[in-house]
Amino acid sequence: MLVLVDGWTSFFRDRAVPWRIRMAEKTRAQLENEVLARYIETQRWYGAKGERIAHAKLADHALWEADRASWMLALLEVDSGGEPVRYFVPLALAWEEGDEERLRSLSGAAIAKVRQQANVGLLADALADEAFGRAAVEAIGRGLELATGQGETRGTLRFAPTRAFAELAGEDFASLAVGRPQAQSSNTVVTLGDRLFLKGYRRIRPGVNPELEVGRFLTEVAHYPNCVPVAGAIEYTAADGTPMTLALLQAYVANQGDGWNYTLAYLERFFEAQRGATEAPAADAHGAYLALAHTLGTRTAELHRALSQRTGDPAFDPEPVAADDLAHWKQRVRDEAASTFELLEKRRSQFPAPARDEMLLLLERRHKLLARVDACPPPGRGAHKIRYHGDYHLGQVLYTDYVFPFEVAAVILLVAMVAAIALTLRRRKDAKSQVVSEQISVKKADRLRIVTMQSEPKE
């Protein structure tokens, strides 16, 4: 249990009265190396899985109060035997006295028990705090800035909106239901209704996170419609000017899962259906899936086209391909091919018979393949290179509720258009028609005859 004297200030010697400095140092050390270190070791997003943290240090922090709640946005530097790594661990305090409902909601994300005089409570992960999620969105909307640390080493923590924030968040975001946090391999996601989600990055690295940088460009500049739009971010700038991305706020896109899980489920269904089949599958058995693959190819081309726009931003403007670029690309392809061949060699005994024959044939021809890489001609004059996704795979692609119905509707519409044209051009025996050439070539004498008629006598 952590024993506090005055809330968050209990951990900082420079905020304690002289006779409590030693106690503040002891409480700070307990927080860093006993409480937070042990907590991080058990999390999915901890990078050094299975490794014990030898030392942890609170590298920087910001104290923040909103709506009668307070949080410490902590940046923890962790040493587990290699290079020190920084983690973003926002913390919340909740007390039994006067805050029982919030205390119960945070019990599943508790990090440690705390006591301050007679009041008992919890230290918890703030990303599990509904009040924190709503306050973070509100702070992003108004561009809140907080100073971190103290003295000359102060950094800045900024809640930054994009120009799309108002449209994406709406005016009633404060009333949205906040979902339970979902821990992933490197981040924690909190949903706000079916409109927004806040992604807290855990392991943070120097520089702007590419997900924010590219997402903000596609949202604000390129206006690419088939990406998850960015509403804002929480960004940290250290005292030396180094930027880091702590969290990303994006619009929630209703979906049926990602492309990777959809593909696995599709293959599972297909192979299960083939187990009892007596005939080979039809030639067009994968037509529906291939239609989705075609859509994915189109979306990929549209993405690259959006990233190839020249906007005056040097981080995104296309650049001419230089000679050393080609050499670098060739070497990278060569290294990846060599690694693949090495892996095949190690696992050759694990291949079933039909696949083993093909694998051995590939290994025999490895030199020819590598020679083709070396012989790859340089691009023509005027070739340019552009930014790209960097982590583009099926797990990054969302399969939405409307993709397949849209494809079906497109096919139906195409068929209907072709049918309408065919019906218009068909010839019917009972239909009257005109021959334009004959109408033009006709003479007056063929159409007009003047006759004389006797008039009737008057009565």
Protein backbone atom coordinates (compact mmCIF):
# COMPACT_ATOMS: atom_id res chain seq x y z
CA MET A 1 0.00 0.00 0.00
CA LEU A 2 1.17 3.49 -0.84
CA VAL A 3 0.80 5.98 2.03
CA LEU A 4 0.21 9.50 0.73
CA VAL A 5 0.39 12.79 2.55
CA ASP A 6 -1.08 15.19 0.00
CA GLY A 7 -2.30 13.42 -3.14
CA TRP A 8 0.02 13.55 -6.14
CA THR A 9 2.46 15.96 -4.48
CA SER A 10 3.37 13.17 -2.06
CA PHE A 11 5.79 11.82 -4.70
CA PHE A 12 7.83 14.99 -5.22
CA ARG A 13 10.46 16.16 -2.75
CA ASP A 14 10.55 19.68 -4.17
CA ARG A 15 6.86 20.12 -3.30
CA ALA A 16 7.14 18.78 0.24
CA VAL A 17 7.78 20.75 3.40
CA PRO A 18 11.34 20.23 4.70
CA TRP A 19 10.44 17.65 7.35
CA ARG A 20 8.64 15.48 4.78
CA ILE A 21 11.28 15.48 2.04
CA ARG A 22 12.70 12.11 3.10
CA MET A 23 9.21 10.60 3.15
CA ALA A 24 8.49 11.96 -0.36
CA GLU A 25 11.72 10.37 -1.67
CA LYS A 26 10.81 7.03 -0.14
CA THR A 27 7.25 7.15 -1.53
CA ARG A 28 8.59 8.09 -4.98
CA ALA A 29 11.02 5.15 -4.99
CA GLN A 30 8.24 2.79 -3.90
CA LEU A 31 6.00 4.06 -6.71
CA GLU A 32 8.69 3.68 -9.36
CA ASN A 33 10.43 0.41 -8.52
CA GLU A 34 7.82 -1.56 -6.63
CA VAL A 35 4.40 -0.45 -7.85
CA LEU A 36 4.79 0.70 -11.46
CA ALA A 37 7.66 -1.62 -12.39
CA ARG A 38 5.73 -4.70 -11.25
CA TYR A 39 2.57 -3.44 -12.97
CA ILE A 40 4.28 -2.87 -16.33
CA GLU A 41 5.86 -6.34 -16.26
CA THR A 42 2.39 -7.93 -16.36
CA GLN A 43 1.01 -5.91 -19.27
CA ARG A 44 0.62 -7.06 -22.89
CA TRP A 45 2.24 -3.88 -24.12
CA TYR A 46 5.45 -4.44 -22.13
CA GLY A 47 8.13 -4.91 -24.80
CA ALA A 48 10.61 -7.10 -22.92
CA LYS A 49 8.20 -9.97 -22.27
CA GLY A 50 9.34 -12.13 -19.35
CA GLU A 51 12.21 -9.81 -18.41
CA ARG A 52 12.22 -8.31 -14.94
CA ILE A 53 12.53 -4.53 -14.73
CA ALA A 54 15.74 -3.73 -12.89
CA HIS A 55 15.04 -0.05 -12.45
CA ALA A 56 12.25 2.40 -13.26
CA LYS A 57 12.37 6.19 -13.11
CA LEU A 58 9.68 8.83 -13.49
CA ALA A 59 11.29 10.71 -16.39
CA ASP A 60 8.63 13.41 -16.63
CA HIS A 61 5.03 14.03 -15.69
CA ALA A 62 2.13 16.47 -15.81
CA LEU A 63 -0.51 16.91 -13.14
CA TRP A 64 -3.97 17.62 -14.50
CA GLU A 65 -7.30 18.39 -12.85
CA ALA A 66 -10.71 18.50 -14.53
CA ASP A 67 -14.28 18.01 -13.31
CA ARG A 68 -13.27 17.35 -9.68
CA ALA A 69 -10.90 14.56 -10.74
CA SER A 70 -7.14 14.62 -11.03
CA TRP A 71 -4.58 12.56 -12.91
CA MET A 72 -0.83 12.26 -13.27
CA LEU A 73 0.28 11.78 -16.88
CA ALA A 74 3.50 9.89 -16.24
CA LEU A 75 6.38 9.07 -18.58
CA LEU A 76 8.30 6.21 -17.03
CA GLU A 77 11.82 5.25 -18.10
CA VAL A 78 12.35 1.51 -17.70
CA ASP A 79 15.61 -0.46 -17.62
CA SER A 80 15.24 -4.21 -18.18
CA GLY A 81 18.82 -4.99 -19.15
CA GLY A 82 19.04 -3.28 -22.55
CA GLU A 83 18.57 0.28 -23.70
CA PRO A 84 16.21 2.27 -21.44
CA VAL A 85 12.66 2.44 -22.82
CA ARG A 86 9.96 5.01 -22.08
CA TYR A 87 6.34 4.10 -21.37
CA PHE A 88 3.29 6.32 -21.10
CA VAL A 89 1.37 5.40 -17.93
CA PRO A 90 -1.42 7.89 -17.07
CA LEU A 91 -2.51 7.42 -13.46
CA ALA A 92 -5.76 8.08 -11.59
CA LEU A 93 -6.56 8.30 -7.86
CA ALA A 94 -9.99 7.34 -6.52
CA TRP A 95 -11.09 7.36 -2.88
CA GLU A 96 -13.72 5.52 -0.87
CA GLU A 97 -14.89 8.73 0.75
CA GLY A 98 -17.04 10.67 -1.71
CA ASP A 99 -15.97 8.75 -4.82
CA GLU A 100 -17.29 5.21 -4.37
CA GLU A 101 -18.82 4.79 -7.83
CA ARG A 102 -15.61 5.83 -9.56
CA LEU A 103 -13.63 3.62 -7.20
CA ARG A 104 -15.70 0.58 -8.20
CA SER A 105 -15.34 1.31 -11.91
CA LEU A 106 -11.55 1.49 -11.56
CA SER A 107 -11.16 -1.68 -9.50
CA GLY A 108 -10.44 -3.76 -12.61
CA ALA A 109 -7.55 -1.45 -13.54
CA ALA A 110 -6.12 -1.07 -10.02
CA ILE A 111 -2.35 -0.76 -9.73
CA ALA A 112 -2.04 -0.34 -5.96
CA LYS A 113 -4.01 0.48 -2.86
CA VAL A 114 -3.44 3.92 -1.38
CA ARG A 115 -4.17 5.54 1.96
CA GLN A 116 -4.17 9.17 2.98
CA GLN A 117 -4.86 9.58 6.68
CA ALA A 118 -8.14 7.69 7.25
CA ASN A 119 -9.18 7.71 3.60
CA VAL A 120 -8.48 4.56 1.57
CA GLY A 121 -8.52 4.32 -2.21
CA LEU A 122 -6.87 3.05 -5.40
CA LEU A 123 -4.12 4.09 -7.75
CA ALA A 124 -5.30 2.94 -11.20
CA ASP A 125 -4.62 3.18 -14.91
CA ALA A 126 -6.30 6.41 -16.04
CA LEU A 127 -7.24 4.96 -19.43
CA ALA A 128 -9.83 2.88 -17.55
CA ASP A 129 -11.31 6.05 -16.02
CA GLU A 130 -14.43 7.25 -17.85
CA ALA A 131 -13.85 10.79 -16.58
CA PHE A 132 -10.34 10.78 -18.03
CA GLY A 133 -11.55 9.66 -21.48
CA ARG A 134 -14.17 12.40 -21.68
CA ALA A 135 -11.83 15.05 -20.26
CA ALA A 136 -9.12 14.09 -22.77
CA VAL A 137 -11.50 14.56 -25.72
CA GLU A 138 -12.70 17.89 -24.34
CA ALA A 139 -9.10 19.03 -23.80
CA ILE A 140 -8.15 18.05 -27.35
CA GLY A 141 -11.08 20.05 -28.66
CA ARG A 142 -9.94 23.25 -26.97
CA GLY A 143 -6.19 22.74 -27.49
CA LEU A 144 -5.19 22.52 -23.81
CA GLU A 145 -1.49 22.79 -22.96
CA LEU A 146 0.13 21.61 -19.72
CA ALA A 147 3.63 22.24 -18.44
CA THR A 148 5.50 19.15 -17.29
CA GLY A 149 8.13 18.76 -14.58
CA GLN A 150 9.47 21.76 -12.76
CA GLY A 151 12.15 24.40 -13.09
CA GLU A 152 14.36 24.62 -16.19
CA THR A 153 13.61 21.07 -17.35
CA ARG A 154 9.96 21.77 -18.12
CA GLY A 155 8.49 20.17 -21.18
CA THR A 156 5.04 20.65 -22.70
CA LEU A 157 2.09 18.33 -23.03
CA ARG A 158 -0.37 19.48 -25.69
CA PHE A 159 -3.86 18.26 -26.50
CA ALA A 160 -3.99 19.09 -30.23
CA PRO A 161 -7.12 18.96 -32.43
CA THR A 162 -7.17 18.56 -36.19
CA ARG A 163 -9.38 20.72 -38.37
CA ALA A 164 -11.80 17.78 -38.55
CA PHE A 165 -12.34 17.60 -34.77
CA ALA A 166 -15.67 19.44 -34.60
CA GLU A 167 -17.17 17.38 -37.43
CA LEU A 168 -15.93 14.05 -36.05
CA ALA A 169 -16.59 14.61 -32.33
CA GLY A 170 -19.90 16.46 -32.58
CA GLU A 171 -21.23 18.75 -29.89
CA ASP A 172 -22.51 16.03 -27.55
CA PHE A 173 -19.34 13.95 -27.14
CA ALA A 174 -19.46 14.50 -23.37
CA SER A 175 -22.57 12.29 -23.19
CA LEU A 176 -21.05 9.38 -25.12
CA ALA A 177 -20.70 6.07 -23.28
CA VAL A 178 -17.06 5.26 -22.53
CA GLY A 179 -16.12 1.62 -23.15
CA ARG A 180 -13.73 -0.55 -21.19
CA PRO A 181 -10.11 -0.20 -22.33
CA GLN A 182 -8.89 -2.85 -24.76
CA ALA A 183 -5.22 -3.70 -24.29
CA GLN A 184 -3.31 -4.47 -27.48
CA SER A 185 0.28 -5.35 -28.20
CA SER A 186 1.58 -1.78 -28.09
CA ASN A 187 -1.33 0.43 -27.09
CA THR A 188 -4.60 0.68 -25.19
CA VAL A 189 -7.85 1.66 -26.92
CA VAL A 190 -10.87 3.31 -25.30
CA THR A 191 -14.08 3.81 -27.29
CA LEU A 192 -16.53 6.68 -26.85
CA GLY A 193 -19.87 5.47 -28.13
CA ASP A 194 -19.78 4.48 -31.77
CA ARG A 195 -18.19 7.79 -32.73
CA LEU A 196 -14.65 8.08 -31.36
CA PHE A 197 -11.82 6.04 -29.95
CA LEU A 198 -8.79 7.16 -27.99
CA LYS A 199 -5.63 5.13 -28.56
CA GLY A 200 -3.01 5.53 -25.84
CA TYR A 201 0.48 4.57 -26.98
CA ARG A 202 2.38 2.75 -24.27
CA ARG A 203 5.93 2.47 -25.51
CA ILE A 204 6.81 5.91 -26.79
CA ARG A 205 9.65 6.83 -29.12
CA PRO A 206 11.25 10.14 -30.09
CA GLY A 207 9.59 11.85 -33.05
CA VAL A 208 6.02 12.18 -34.24
CA ASN A 209 4.33 8.79 -34.46
CA PRO A 210 3.86 7.93 -38.18
CA GLU A 211 0.24 6.96 -37.48
CA LEU A 212 -0.44 10.52 -36.38
CA GLU A 213 1.73 12.16 -39.04
CA VAL A 214 0.29 10.23 -41.99
CA GLY A 215 -3.25 10.12 -40.56
CA ARG A 216 -3.29 13.88 -40.04
CA PHE A 217 -2.06 14.44 -43.62
CA LEU A 218 -4.69 12.12 -45.10
CA THR A 219 -7.42 13.76 -42.98
CA GLU A 220 -6.54 17.45 -43.25
CA VAL A 221 -4.62 17.77 -46.52
CA ALA A 222 -5.32 14.88 -48.90
CA HIS A 223 -8.91 14.35 -47.67
CA TYR A 224 -8.59 10.64 -48.39
CA PRO A 225 -12.06 9.19 -47.61
CA ASN A 226 -11.08 5.55 -47.00
CA CYS A 227 -8.87 5.97 -43.95
CA VAL A 228 -9.84 6.26 -40.30
CA PRO A 229 -9.90 10.06 -39.86
CA VAL A 230 -7.85 11.70 -37.12
CA ALA A 231 -9.63 14.07 -34.73
CA GLY A 232 -6.63 14.99 -32.61
CA ALA A 233 -3.74 13.80 -30.46
CA ILE A 234 -1.95 14.18 -27.15
CA GLU A 235 1.63 15.21 -27.87
CA TYR A 236 4.61 15.66 -25.57
CA THR A 237 7.58 17.90 -26.23
CA ALA A 238 10.61 17.39 -23.99
CA ALA A 239 12.65 20.27 -22.62
CA ASP A 240 15.21 19.76 -25.44
CA GLY A 241 12.46 20.06 -28.09
CA THR A 242 12.10 16.35 -28.89
CA PRO A 243 8.46 15.55 -29.80
CA MET A 244 6.68 12.32 -28.84
CA THR A 245 3.13 11.11 -29.45
CA LEU A 246 1.26 9.84 -26.39
CA ALA A 247 -2.26 9.26 -27.71
CA LEU A 248 -4.33 9.50 -30.88
CA LEU A 249 -8.04 10.39 -31.16
CA GLN A 250 -9.77 8.97 -34.24
CA ALA A 251 -13.28 8.53 -35.56
CA TYR A 252 -14.79 5.13 -34.88
CA VAL A 253 -15.51 3.17 -38.06
CA ALA A 254 -18.16 0.45 -37.74
CA ASN A 255 -16.67 -2.77 -39.07
CA GLN A 256 -16.80 -6.55 -39.01
CA GLY A 257 -13.15 -6.94 -38.09
CA ASP A 258 -9.87 -6.60 -39.90
CA GLY A 259 -8.86 -8.17 -43.18
CA TRP A 260 -6.55 -10.72 -41.56
CA ASN A 261 -9.17 -12.25 -39.26
CA TYR A 262 -11.76 -12.11 -42.06
CA THR A 263 -9.39 -14.03 -44.34
CA LEU A 264 -8.64 -16.65 -41.67
CA ALA A 265 -12.36 -17.15 -41.00
CA TYR A 266 -13.07 -17.37 -44.74
CA LEU A 267 -10.39 -20.02 -45.27
CA GLU A 268 -11.57 -21.96 -42.25
CA ARG A 269 -15.12 -22.05 -43.63
CA PHE A 270 -13.91 -23.02 -47.09
CA PHE A 271 -11.68 -25.89 -45.94
CA GLU A 272 -14.34 -27.12 -43.54
CA ALA A 273 -16.83 -27.26 -46.43
CA GLN A 274 -14.29 -29.17 -48.54
CA ARG A 275 -13.67 -31.87 -45.94
CA GLY A 276 -16.76 -33.83 -46.94
CA ALA A 277 -16.88 -32.74 -50.59
CA THR A 278 -16.66 -35.39 -53.31
CA GLU A 279 -15.94 -32.97 -56.15
CA ALA A 280 -13.38 -30.26 -56.70
CA PRO A 281 -14.59 -26.74 -55.92
CA ALA A 282 -16.00 -24.68 -58.76
CA ALA A 283 -13.66 -22.46 -60.73
CA ASP A 284 -15.38 -19.35 -59.36
CA ALA A 285 -15.59 -20.64 -55.77
CA HIS A 286 -13.62 -17.65 -54.48
CA GLY A 287 -15.39 -15.03 -56.57
CA ALA A 288 -16.80 -13.10 -53.61
CA TYR A 289 -13.47 -13.02 -51.80
CA LEU A 290 -11.61 -12.00 -54.95
CA ALA A 291 -14.08 -9.13 -55.37
CA LEU A 292 -13.02 -7.88 -51.93
CA ALA A 293 -9.36 -8.34 -52.89
CA HIS A 294 -10.03 -6.22 -55.97
CA THR A 295 -11.54 -3.52 -53.76
CA LEU A 296 -8.50 -3.66 -51.49
CA GLY A 297 -6.25 -3.19 -54.51
CA THR A 298 -8.28 -0.16 -55.55
CA ARG A 299 -8.13 1.33 -52.05
CA THR A 300 -4.35 0.76 -51.96
CA ALA A 301 -3.90 2.56 -55.28
CA GLU A 302 -6.09 5.43 -54.03
CA LEU A 303 -3.98 5.64 -50.87
CA HIS A 304 -0.74 5.90 -52.84
CA ARG A 305 -2.30 8.47 -55.13
CA ALA A 306 -3.30 10.57 -52.09
CA LEU A 307 0.24 10.31 -50.68
CA SER A 308 1.74 11.37 -54.02
CA GLN A 309 0.10 14.80 -53.98
CA ARG A 310 2.45 17.77 -54.04
CA THR A 311 1.29 20.11 -51.27
CA GLY A 312 4.41 22.02 -50.29
CA ASP A 313 4.97 19.87 -47.20
CA PRO A 314 8.57 18.55 -47.48
CA ALA A 315 7.65 15.54 -45.33
CA PHE A 316 5.18 14.35 -48.00
CA ASP A 317 6.08 15.91 -51.34
CA PRO A 318 7.36 13.35 -53.91
CA GLU A 319 11.15 13.32 -54.38
CA PRO A 320 13.25 12.24 -57.41
CA VAL A 321 14.66 8.72 -57.19
CA ALA A 322 18.43 8.88 -56.72
CA ALA A 323 20.98 6.27 -57.77
CA ASP A 324 21.70 5.25 -54.19
CA ASP A 325 17.95 4.68 -53.61
CA LEU A 326 17.94 1.83 -56.13
CA ALA A 327 21.07 0.31 -54.60
CA HIS A 328 19.46 0.49 -51.15
CA TRP A 329 16.21 -1.09 -52.37
CA LYS A 330 18.06 -3.89 -54.13
CA GLN A 331 20.09 -4.65 -51.04
CA ARG A 332 17.01 -4.73 -48.86
CA VAL A 333 15.22 -7.13 -51.21
CA ARG A 334 18.37 -9.26 -51.37
CA ASP A 335 18.64 -9.39 -47.57
CA GLU A 336 14.99 -10.36 -47.19
CA ALA A 337 15.32 -13.08 -49.85
CA ALA A 338 18.47 -14.44 -48.19
CA SER A 339 16.70 -14.55 -44.82
CA THR A 340 13.79 -16.41 -46.40
CA PHE A 341 16.09 -18.98 -48.01
CA GLU A 342 17.89 -19.46 -44.70
CA LEU A 343 14.58 -20.07 -42.94
CA LEU A 344 13.56 -22.60 -45.60
CA GLU A 345 16.83 -24.46 -45.12
CA LYS A 346 16.27 -24.69 -41.37
CA ARG A 347 12.71 -25.98 -41.73
CA ARG A 348 13.02 -28.14 -44.83
CA SER A 349 12.28 -31.29 -42.86
CA GLN A 350 8.97 -29.85 -41.63
CA PHE A 351 7.44 -29.53 -45.12
CA PRO A 352 4.95 -32.16 -46.33
CA ALA A 353 5.94 -34.08 -49.47
CA PRO A 354 4.31 -32.00 -52.24
CA ALA A 355 5.41 -28.69 -50.77
CA ARG A 356 8.90 -30.04 -49.99
CA ASP A 357 9.56 -30.71 -53.68
CA GLU A 358 8.63 -27.15 -54.61
CA MET A 359 10.69 -25.78 -51.73
CA LEU A 360 13.78 -27.75 -52.81
CA LEU A 361 13.35 -26.53 -56.38
CA LEU A 362 13.20 -22.96 -55.10
CA LEU A 363 16.38 -23.46 -53.07
CA GLU A 364 18.14 -24.86 -56.13
CA ARG A 365 17.26 -21.74 -58.08
CA ARG A 366 18.06 -19.21 -55.39
CA HIS A 367 21.08 -17.88 -57.27
CA LYS A 368 18.97 -17.21 -60.36
CA LEU A 369 16.46 -15.33 -58.25
CA LEU A 370 19.15 -13.22 -56.59
CA ALA A 371 20.71 -12.56 -60.01
CA ARG A 372 17.39 -11.20 -61.22
CA VAL A 373 17.33 -8.86 -58.24
CA ASP A 374 20.84 -7.64 -59.08
CA ALA A 375 19.90 -7.18 -62.75
CA CYS A 376 16.83 -5.10 -61.96
CA PRO A 377 17.12 -2.06 -64.25
CA PRO A 378 16.98 1.45 -62.83
CA PRO A 379 13.69 3.34 -63.19
CA GLY A 380 13.26 5.63 -66.15
CA ARG A 381 14.03 9.31 -66.04
CA GLY A 382 11.58 11.33 -64.03
CA ALA A 383 10.80 8.57 -61.50
CA HIS A 384 9.76 9.77 -58.04
CA LYS A 385 9.47 8.21 -54.61
CA ILE A 386 6.64 8.93 -52.17
CA ARG A 387 5.71 8.29 -48.55
CA TYR A 388 3.99 4.99 -47.87
CA HIS A 389 2.15 3.29 -45.02
CA GLY A 390 5.13 1.45 -43.52
CA ASP A 391 3.07 -1.19 -41.73
CA TYR A 392 0.48 -2.10 -44.35
CA HIS A 393 -0.95 -5.59 -43.92
CA LEU A 394 -4.34 -7.28 -43.68
CA GLY A 395 -4.47 -6.60 -39.94
CA GLN A 396 -4.51 -2.87 -40.74
CA VAL A 397 -7.46 -3.15 -43.13
CA LEU A 398 -11.03 -2.88 -41.82
CA TYR A 399 -13.78 -4.98 -43.36
CA THR A 400 -16.88 -2.80 -43.06
CA ASP A 401 -20.53 -3.82 -42.96
CA TYR A 402 -21.16 -2.22 -46.33
CA VAL A 403 -18.26 -3.48 -48.44
CA PHE A 404 -19.86 -6.67 -49.76
CA PRO A 405 -23.38 -5.22 -50.22
CA PHE A 406 -21.76 -2.33 -52.08
CA GLU A 407 -19.91 -4.75 -54.37
CA VAL A 408 -23.10 -6.74 -55.01
CA ALA A 409 -25.04 -3.54 -55.71
CA ALA A 410 -22.32 -2.42 -58.13
CA VAL A 411 -22.50 -5.72 -60.02
CA ILE A 412 -26.30 -5.58 -60.15
CA LEU A 413 -26.17 -2.01 -61.42
CA LEU A 414 -23.66 -2.95 -64.10
CA VAL A 415 -25.78 -5.90 -65.23
CA ALA A 416 -28.87 -3.68 -65.29
CA MET A 417 -27.09 -1.09 -67.44
CA VAL A 418 -25.90 -3.72 -69.92
CA ALA A 419 -29.38 -5.27 -70.04
CA ALA A 420 -30.99 -1.88 -70.67
CA ILE A 421 -28.61 -1.22 -73.56
CA ALA A 422 -29.23 -4.70 -74.98
CA LEU A 423 -32.99 -4.26 -74.77
CA THR A 424 -32.73 -0.95 -76.57
CA LEU A 425 -30.71 -2.41 -79.46
CA ARG A 426 -32.63 -5.65 -79.93
CA ARG A 427 -34.69 -6.09 -83.14
CA ARG A 428 -38.35 -7.13 -82.96
CA LYS A 429 -40.42 -8.35 -85.94
CA ASP A 430 -43.49 -6.36 -84.96
CA ALA A 431 -41.64 -3.14 -84.31
CA LYS A 432 -41.90 -0.29 -86.80
CA SER A 433 -38.66 1.37 -87.69
CA GLN A 434 -37.34 4.09 -89.92
CA VAL A 435 -34.37 3.95 -92.30
CA VAL A 436 -32.72 7.36 -92.13
CA SER A 437 -30.73 6.95 -95.36
CA GLU A 438 -33.90 6.26 -97.35
CA GLN A 439 -35.62 9.27 -95.78
CA ILE A 440 -32.79 11.58 -96.83
CA SER A 441 -32.52 10.27 -100.42
CA VAL A 442 -36.25 10.46 -101.22
CA LYS A 443 -37.41 12.86 -104.01
CA LYS A 444 -40.36 15.21 -103.93
CA ALA A 445 -42.00 13.40 -106.85
CA ASP A 446 -41.93 10.19 -104.83
CA ARG A 447 -43.78 11.79 -101.96
CA LEU A 448 -46.03 14.42 -103.52
CA ARG A 449 -48.64 14.08 -106.35
CA ILE A 450 -50.88 16.95 -107.46
CA VAL A 451 -54.32 15.92 -108.63
CA THR A 452 -57.28 17.87 -110.07
CA MET A 453 -60.65 17.35 -108.46
CA GLN A 454 -64.09 18.57 -109.55
CA SER A 455 -65.74 20.90 -107.15
CA GLU A 456 -69.17 20.05 -105.89
CA PRO A 457 -72.01 22.22 -107.34
CA LYS A 458 -73.59 24.81 -105.13
CA GLU A 459 -77.18 24.19 -104.09
